[in-house]
Amino acid sequence: MAASTHREPVVAVVVAAGSGSRLGGETPKALRAVAGRSLVARSVAQLAAGGCTDAVVVVAPGLENAFAEALADAPIPCLLV
């Protein structure tokens, strides 16, 4: 029997709805840039490197566009909820 090339989906849930108030400033922690890349983008990239095929990113109301922009170049599909 030949080895299957079909891979089961692996979906990660990224909870990024916090305000980051303890960190200070007005930008949520997940959207803060570290070395030119947001923390949420770095997290999703690491999940993809670990084998995740998709990510569901939980964001605070009103920040969907900011997260969509931060994840525009994500290596896996990201559903913002």
Protein backbone atom coordinates (compact mmCIF):
# COMPACT_ATOMS: atom_id res chain seq x y z
CA MET A 1 0.00 0.00 0.00
CA ALA A 2 1.37 3.41 -0.97
CA ALA A 3 1.86 6.04 1.70
CA SER A 4 -0.91 8.61 1.77
CA THR A 5 0.00 12.16 0.84
CA HIS A 6 -3.21 13.43 2.48
CA ARG A 7 -2.50 15.28 5.69
CA GLU A 8 -5.11 15.82 8.36
CA PRO A 9 -5.69 19.48 9.23
CA VAL A 10 -4.16 20.77 12.44
CA VAL A 11 -5.88 23.92 13.66
CA ALA A 12 -4.53 26.16 16.42
CA VAL A 13 -6.54 28.71 18.39
CA VAL A 14 -4.59 31.88 19.15
CA VAL A 15 -6.19 33.97 21.88
CA ALA A 16 -5.13 37.55 21.10
CA ALA A 17 -8.06 39.53 22.47
CA GLY A 18 -6.26 41.11 25.42
CA SER A 19 -5.60 44.81 25.67
CA GLY A 20 -1.98 44.53 26.80
CA SER A 21 -2.64 47.20 29.43
CA ARG A 22 -0.03 45.80 31.84
CA LEU A 23 2.55 46.33 29.10
CA GLY A 24 1.53 49.98 28.80
CA GLY A 25 0.66 51.99 25.75
CA GLU A 26 -2.43 51.85 23.60
CA THR A 27 -1.42 49.07 21.20
CA PRO A 28 -2.51 45.55 22.17
CA LYS A 29 0.45 43.32 23.00
CA ALA A 30 -0.28 40.91 20.12
CA LEU A 31 0.09 43.77 17.63
CA ARG A 32 3.35 45.11 19.07
CA ALA A 33 6.30 44.75 16.75
CA VAL A 34 9.43 42.91 17.80
CA ALA A 35 12.24 43.20 15.26
CA GLY A 36 9.78 44.53 12.69
CA ARG A 37 7.14 41.81 13.07
CA SER A 38 4.05 41.67 15.30
CA LEU A 39 3.91 39.15 18.12
CA VAL A 40 0.79 37.55 16.63
CA ALA A 41 2.52 37.12 13.25
CA ARG A 42 5.51 35.54 14.98
CA SER A 43 3.22 33.19 16.90
CA VAL A 44 1.35 32.06 13.79
CA ALA A 45 4.63 31.53 11.91
CA GLN A 46 5.91 29.30 14.72
CA LEU A 47 2.66 27.33 14.75
CA ALA A 48 2.99 26.79 11.00
CA ALA A 49 6.59 25.67 11.42
CA GLY A 50 5.36 23.16 13.99
CA GLY A 51 2.86 21.62 11.59
CA CYS A 52 -0.33 23.63 12.04
CA THR A 53 -2.29 24.01 8.84
CA ASP A 54 -4.71 26.73 9.95
CA ALA A 55 -5.17 29.23 12.78
CA VAL A 56 -8.23 30.71 14.41
CA VAL A 57 -7.23 34.04 15.97
CA VAL A 58 -9.53 35.45 18.65
CA VAL A 59 -9.37 39.25 18.60
CA ALA A 60 -11.08 42.07 20.48
CA PRO A 61 -14.05 43.73 18.76
CA GLY A 62 -13.00 46.56 16.48
CA LEU A 63 -9.45 45.27 15.92
CA GLU A 64 -10.20 42.87 13.09
CA ASN A 65 -8.66 45.12 10.43
CA ALA A 66 -5.47 45.68 12.43
CA PHE A 67 -5.04 41.94 12.93
CA ALA A 68 -5.86 41.20 9.29
CA GLU A 69 -3.08 43.59 8.29
CA ALA A 70 -0.63 42.07 10.80
CA LEU A 71 -1.38 38.58 9.46
CA ALA A 72 -1.52 39.44 5.76
CA ASP A 73 1.66 37.49 5.05
CA ALA A 74 0.94 34.59 7.41
CA PRO A 75 2.22 31.23 6.14
CA ILE A 76 -1.12 29.54 6.94
CA PRO A 77 -4.75 30.67 6.63
CA CYS A 78 -5.99 32.66 9.64
CA LEU A 79 -9.64 33.06 10.53
CA LEU A 80 -10.27 36.10 12.74
CA VAL A 81 -13.10 35.73 15.24
